[in-house]
Amino acid sequence: MDKIQQLLQPYNVEVSLEEIAKLCVEVGADIEQLSDSDAQTIAQHILEQRQLSGKLATNSKPKNGNGKLGKNSPRRKSTPPLQGAIAHASQVSNQEIQSLEDVLTQGIDAYTTDKADQLLSTIRNAPKDVVSKFVSKAMEEEADVESFRAIGNELVAGIFGISATNAAE
């Protein structure tokens, strides 16, 4: 708070603790541990608000008659601190980057979950697909019942290691 009041002192601007606390929340800064750049950003914001509301006192009557202020004139407007603008732009940029990262992470999670579900479904349906394709191929063969029994016996022997005659016993 003291940092902000020091920055506003040349402008004769009074600011309340509540107003500073509100602005700290807006810029995401801790009021107890304000960095110099955060303090400058908040002070600049307060000055802009005062100028917009007309509460910032500016003396529009020139004393030297020609309307121009001297280089060292105490009434001369100072340029806003560049560091505050850079800090604010950096903070906004970091927030945008974080937002984009969050969206991408959610999208990637949804995509990988969907692909995992598809793969699991394919694995679950594989035995049914094998049997279905086998039946389809067997139907293409114009063989008699004995040929199908022989093929079935070969499958049973190949899969389970037993012959159909041993299984019947």
C-alpha atoms as a PDB file:
ATOM      1  CA  MET A   1       0.000   0.000   0.000  1.00  0.00           C
ATOM      2  CA  ASP A   2       2.874   2.357   0.844  1.00  0.00           C
ATOM      3  CA  LYS A   3       4.455   1.742  -2.563  1.00  0.00           C
ATOM      4  CA  ILE A   4       1.243   2.751  -4.314  1.00  0.00           C
ATOM      5  CA  GLN A   5       0.799   5.861  -2.172  1.00  0.00           C
ATOM      6  CA  GLN A   6       4.384   6.902  -2.950  1.00  0.00           C
ATOM      7  CA  LEU A   7       3.729   6.510  -6.670  1.00  0.00           C
ATOM      8  CA  LEU A   8       0.526   8.580  -6.419  1.00  0.00           C
ATOM      9  CA  GLN A   9       1.984  11.315  -4.193  1.00  0.00           C
ATOM     10  CA  PRO A  10       3.221  13.535  -7.087  1.00  0.00           C
ATOM     11  CA  TYR A  11      -0.348  13.606  -8.417  1.00  0.00           C
ATOM     12  CA  ASN A  12      -1.942  14.482  -5.048  1.00  0.00           C
ATOM     13  CA  VAL A  13      -4.205  11.446  -5.327  1.00  0.00           C
ATOM     14  CA  GLU A  14      -5.724   9.930  -2.211  1.00  0.00           C
ATOM     15  CA  VAL A  15      -6.686   6.255  -2.406  1.00  0.00           C
ATOM     16  CA  SER A  16      -8.451   3.985   0.054  1.00  0.00           C
ATOM     17  CA  LEU A  17      -7.315   0.580   1.217  1.00  0.00           C
ATOM     18  CA  GLU A  18     -10.527  -0.933  -0.188  1.00  0.00           C
ATOM     19  CA  GLU A  19      -9.826   0.475  -3.653  1.00  0.00           C
ATOM     20  CA  ILE A  20      -6.285  -0.883  -3.604  1.00  0.00           C
ATOM     21  CA  ALA A  21      -7.510  -4.275  -2.376  1.00  0.00           C
ATOM     22  CA  LYS A  22     -10.072  -4.402  -5.198  1.00  0.00           C
ATOM     23  CA  LEU A  23      -7.438  -3.582  -7.820  1.00  0.00           C
ATOM     24  CA  CYS A  24      -5.049  -6.156  -6.340  1.00  0.00           C
ATOM     25  CA  VAL A  25      -7.692  -8.811  -6.870  1.00  0.00           C
ATOM     26  CA  GLU A  26      -8.216  -7.632 -10.469  1.00  0.00           C
ATOM     27  CA  VAL A  27      -4.534  -7.916 -11.349  1.00  0.00           C
ATOM     28  CA  GLY A  28      -3.995 -11.050  -9.272  1.00  0.00           C
ATOM     29  CA  ALA A  29      -1.535  -9.544  -6.800  1.00  0.00           C
ATOM     30  CA  ASP A  30      -1.196 -10.071  -3.053  1.00  0.00           C
ATOM     31  CA  ILE A  31      -1.745  -6.756  -1.251  1.00  0.00           C
ATOM     32  CA  GLU A  32       0.715  -7.771   1.483  1.00  0.00           C
ATOM     33  CA  GLN A  33       3.521  -8.646  -0.948  1.00  0.00           C
ATOM     34  CA  LEU A  34       3.207  -6.230  -3.859  1.00  0.00           C
ATOM     35  CA  SER A  35       6.055  -6.210  -6.338  1.00  0.00           C
ATOM     36  CA  ASP A  36       7.183  -2.889  -7.774  1.00  0.00           C
ATOM     37  CA  SER A  37       5.652  -3.715 -11.145  1.00  0.00           C
ATOM     38  CA  ASP A  38       2.304  -4.648  -9.568  1.00  0.00           C
ATOM     39  CA  ALA A  39       2.336  -1.420  -7.541  1.00  0.00           C
ATOM     40  CA  GLN A  40       3.067   0.590 -10.700  1.00  0.00           C
ATOM     41  CA  THR A  41       0.282  -1.177 -12.594  1.00  0.00           C
ATOM     42  CA  ILE A  42      -2.222  -0.466  -9.817  1.00  0.00           C
ATOM     43  CA  ALA A  43      -1.076   3.167  -9.450  1.00  0.00           C
ATOM     44  CA  GLN A  44      -1.378   3.675 -13.216  1.00  0.00           C
ATOM     45  CA  HIS A  45      -4.861   2.172 -13.164  1.00  0.00           C
ATOM     46  CA  ILE A  46      -5.903   4.511 -10.315  1.00  0.00           C
ATOM     47  CA  LEU A  47      -4.561   7.527 -12.231  1.00  0.00           C
ATOM     48  CA  GLU A  48      -6.464   6.472 -15.364  1.00  0.00           C
ATOM     49  CA  GLN A  49      -9.670   6.060 -13.361  1.00  0.00           C
ATOM     50  CA  ARG A  50      -9.233   9.495 -11.776  1.00  0.00           C
ATOM     51  CA  GLN A  51      -8.620  11.108 -15.176  1.00  0.00           C
ATOM     52  CA  LEU A  52     -11.687   9.457 -16.689  1.00  0.00           C
ATOM     53  CA  SER A  53     -13.892  10.490 -13.788  1.00  0.00           C
ATOM     54  CA  GLY A  54     -12.466  14.034 -13.758  1.00  0.00           C
ATOM     55  CA  LYS A  55     -11.231  13.667 -10.178  1.00  0.00           C
ATOM     56  CA  LEU A  56      -7.591  14.120 -11.130  1.00  0.00           C
ATOM     57  CA  ALA A  57      -6.806  17.791 -10.707  1.00  0.00           C
ATOM     58  CA  THR A  58      -5.189  19.311 -13.763  1.00  0.00           C
ATOM     59  CA  ASN A  59      -4.550  23.015 -13.957  1.00  0.00           C
ATOM     60  CA  SER A  60      -5.369  24.095 -17.497  1.00  0.00           C
ATOM     61  CA  LYS A  61      -4.320  27.754 -17.126  1.00  0.00           C
ATOM     62  CA  PRO A  62      -0.753  28.280 -18.183  1.00  0.00           C
ATOM     63  CA  LYS A  63       1.209  30.806 -16.127  1.00  0.00           C
ATOM     64  CA  ASN A  64       3.825  31.642 -18.725  1.00  0.00           C
ATOM     65  CA  GLY A  65       1.248  32.898 -21.218  1.00  0.00           C
ATOM     66  CA  ASN A  66       2.213  30.848 -24.245  1.00  0.00           C
ATOM     67  CA  GLY A  67       0.512  27.601 -23.192  1.00  0.00           C
ATOM     68  CA  LYS A  68       3.709  25.555 -23.151  1.00  0.00           C
ATOM     69  CA  LEU A  69       5.103  24.026 -19.996  1.00  0.00           C
ATOM     70  CA  GLY A  70       8.788  24.175 -19.292  1.00  0.00           C
ATOM     71  CA  LYS A  71      10.834  20.992 -19.234  1.00  0.00           C
ATOM     72  CA  ASN A  72      11.153  21.008 -15.434  1.00  0.00           C
ATOM     73  CA  SER A  73       7.685  22.363 -14.707  1.00  0.00           C
ATOM     74  CA  PRO A  74       5.959  20.675 -11.759  1.00  0.00           C
ATOM     75  CA  ARG A  75       2.666  20.875 -13.709  1.00  0.00           C
ATOM     76  CA  ARG A  76       4.068  19.019 -16.688  1.00  0.00           C
ATOM     77  CA  LYS A  77       2.419  15.614 -17.137  1.00  0.00           C
ATOM     78  CA  SER A  78       4.838  12.798 -16.743  1.00  0.00           C
ATOM     79  CA  THR A  79       4.672   9.921 -19.168  1.00  0.00           C
ATOM     80  CA  PRO A  80       3.203   6.791 -17.631  1.00  0.00           C
ATOM     81  CA  PRO A  81       5.795   4.337 -16.381  1.00  0.00           C
ATOM     82  CA  LEU A  82       6.630   1.897 -19.141  1.00  0.00           C
ATOM     83  CA  GLN A  83       7.444  -0.836 -16.649  1.00  0.00           C
ATOM     84  CA  GLY A  84       3.852  -0.910 -15.392  1.00  0.00           C
ATOM     85  CA  ALA A  85       2.495  -1.259 -18.907  1.00  0.00           C
ATOM     86  CA  ILE A  86       4.985  -4.029 -19.668  1.00  0.00           C
ATOM     87  CA  ALA A  87       4.117  -5.861 -16.441  1.00  0.00           C
ATOM     88  CA  HIS A  88       0.405  -5.607 -17.205  1.00  0.00           C
ATOM     89  CA  ALA A  89       0.879  -6.839 -20.786  1.00  0.00           C
ATOM     90  CA  SER A  90       3.047  -9.686 -19.528  1.00  0.00           C
ATOM     91  CA  GLN A  91       0.427 -10.703 -16.980  1.00  0.00           C
ATOM     92  CA  VAL A  92      -2.364 -10.662 -19.586  1.00  0.00           C
ATOM     93  CA  SER A  93      -0.180 -12.653 -21.966  1.00  0.00           C
ATOM     94  CA  ASN A  94       0.598 -15.239 -19.286  1.00  0.00           C
ATOM     95  CA  GLN A  95      -3.104 -15.574 -18.476  1.00  0.00           C
ATOM     96  CA  GLU A  96      -3.909 -16.130 -22.160  1.00  0.00           C
ATOM     97  CA  ILE A  97      -1.157 -18.739 -22.467  1.00  0.00           C
ATOM     98  CA  GLN A  98      -2.432 -20.550 -19.366  1.00  0.00           C
ATOM     99  CA  SER A  99      -5.986 -20.455 -20.711  1.00  0.00           C
ATOM    100  CA  LEU A 100      -4.857 -21.920 -24.036  1.00  0.00           C
ATOM    101  CA  GLU A 101      -2.842 -24.591 -22.255  1.00  0.00           C
ATOM    102  CA  ASP A 102      -5.888 -25.561 -20.166  1.00  0.00           C
ATOM    103  CA  VAL A 103      -8.093 -25.829 -23.261  1.00  0.00           C
ATOM    104  CA  LEU A 104      -5.497 -27.931 -25.091  1.00  0.00           C
ATOM    105  CA  THR A 105      -5.047 -30.224 -22.105  1.00  0.00           C
ATOM    106  CA  GLN A 106      -8.809 -30.792 -21.879  1.00  0.00           C
ATOM    107  CA  GLY A 107      -9.017 -31.428 -25.622  1.00  0.00           C
ATOM    108  CA  ILE A 108      -6.129 -33.887 -25.585  1.00  0.00           C
ATOM    109  CA  ASP A 109      -7.625 -35.708 -22.589  1.00  0.00           C
ATOM    110  CA  ALA A 110     -10.997 -36.015 -24.338  1.00  0.00           C
ATOM    111  CA  TYR A 111      -9.348 -37.201 -27.583  1.00  0.00           C
ATOM    112  CA  THR A 112      -7.176 -39.847 -25.892  1.00  0.00           C
ATOM    113  CA  THR A 113     -10.099 -41.075 -23.789  1.00  0.00           C
ATOM    114  CA  ASP A 114     -12.221 -41.433 -26.934  1.00  0.00           C
ATOM    115  CA  LYS A 115      -9.440 -43.339 -28.744  1.00  0.00           C
ATOM    116  CA  ALA A 116      -8.934 -45.619 -25.722  1.00  0.00           C
ATOM    117  CA  ASP A 117     -12.678 -46.403 -25.673  1.00  0.00           C
ATOM    118  CA  GLN A 118     -12.614 -47.209 -29.402  1.00  0.00           C
ATOM    119  CA  LEU A 119      -9.605 -49.514 -28.984  1.00  0.00           C
ATOM    120  CA  LEU A 120     -11.203 -51.299 -26.028  1.00  0.00           C
ATOM    121  CA  SER A 121     -14.389 -51.810 -28.040  1.00  0.00           C
ATOM    122  CA  THR A 122     -12.380 -53.245 -30.944  1.00  0.00           C
ATOM    123  CA  ILE A 123     -10.583 -55.661 -28.604  1.00  0.00           C
ATOM    124  CA  ARG A 124     -13.860 -56.762 -26.983  1.00  0.00           C
ATOM    125  CA  ASN A 125     -15.490 -57.396 -30.364  1.00  0.00           C
ATOM    126  CA  ALA A 126     -12.483 -59.181 -31.911  1.00  0.00           C
ATOM    127  CA  PRO A 127     -13.538 -62.759 -30.948  1.00  0.00           C
ATOM    128  CA  LYS A 128     -17.030 -62.171 -32.352  1.00  0.00           C
ATOM    129  CA  ASP A 129     -15.536 -60.714 -35.525  1.00  0.00           C
ATOM    130  CA  VAL A 130     -13.212 -63.718 -35.975  1.00  0.00           C
ATOM    131  CA  VAL A 131     -16.086 -66.188 -35.605  1.00  0.00           C
ATOM    132  CA  SER A 132     -18.274 -64.127 -37.929  1.00  0.00           C
ATOM    133  CA  LYS A 133     -15.571 -63.948 -40.596  1.00  0.00           C
ATOM    134  CA  PHE A 134     -14.814 -67.647 -40.217  1.00  0.00           C
ATOM    135  CA  VAL A 135     -18.478 -68.529 -40.711  1.00  0.00           C
ATOM    136  CA  SER A 136     -18.631 -66.220 -43.722  1.00  0.00           C
ATOM    137  CA  LYS A 137     -15.551 -67.887 -45.288  1.00  0.00           C
ATOM    138  CA  ALA A 138     -16.864 -71.344 -44.480  1.00  0.00           C
ATOM    139  CA  MET A 139     -20.184 -70.520 -46.159  1.00  0.00           C
ATOM    140  CA  GLU A 140     -18.296 -69.557 -49.299  1.00  0.00           C
ATOM    141  CA  GLU A 141     -16.873 -73.072 -49.409  1.00  0.00           C
ATOM    142  CA  GLU A 142     -19.375 -75.351 -51.009  1.00  0.00           C
ATOM    143  CA  ALA A 143     -18.444 -78.311 -48.886  1.00  0.00           C
ATOM    144  CA  ASP A 144     -20.450 -81.042 -47.294  1.00  0.00           C
ATOM    145  CA  VAL A 145     -21.079 -81.639 -43.595  1.00  0.00           C
ATOM    146  CA  GLU A 146     -18.088 -83.959 -43.235  1.00  0.00           C
ATOM    147  CA  SER A 147     -15.740 -81.244 -44.520  1.00  0.00           C
ATOM    148  CA  PHE A 148     -17.041 -78.767 -41.912  1.00  0.00           C
ATOM    149  CA  ARG A 149     -16.644 -81.353 -39.166  1.00  0.00           C
ATOM    150  CA  ALA A 150     -13.085 -81.980 -40.247  1.00  0.00           C
ATOM    151  CA  ILE A 151     -12.347 -78.231 -40.182  1.00  0.00           C
ATOM    152  CA  GLY A 152     -13.982 -77.932 -36.748  1.00  0.00           C
ATOM    153  CA  ASN A 153     -11.957 -80.890 -35.441  1.00  0.00           C
ATOM    154  CA  GLU A 154      -8.756 -79.258 -36.730  1.00  0.00           C
ATOM    155  CA  LEU A 155      -9.672 -75.981 -35.010  1.00  0.00           C
ATOM    156  CA  VAL A 156     -10.416 -77.712 -31.699  1.00  0.00           C
ATOM    157  CA  ALA A 157      -7.180 -79.682 -31.933  1.00  0.00           C
ATOM    158  CA  GLY A 158      -5.205 -76.569 -32.832  1.00  0.00           C
ATOM    159  CA  ILE A 159      -6.735 -74.372 -30.154  1.00  0.00           C
ATOM    160  CA  PHE A 160      -7.146 -76.783 -27.258  1.00  0.00           C
ATOM    161  CA  GLY A 161      -4.610 -79.481 -28.161  1.00  0.00           C
ATOM    162  CA  ILE A 162      -7.173 -82.318 -28.060  1.00  0.00           C
ATOM    163  CA  SER A 163      -8.870 -84.327 -30.737  1.00  0.00           C
ATOM    164  CA  ALA A 164     -12.646 -84.570 -31.062  1.00  0.00           C
ATOM    165  CA  THR A 165     -12.546 -88.345 -30.401  1.00  0.00           C
ATOM    166  CA  ASN A 166     -10.692 -87.808 -27.085  1.00  0.00           C
ATOM    167  CA  ALA A 167     -13.136 -85.076 -26.087  1.00  0.00           C
ATOM    168  CA  ALA A 168     -16.128 -87.372 -26.574  1.00  0.00           C
ATOM    169  CA  GLU A 169     -14.682 -89.963 -24.211  1.00  0.00           C
END
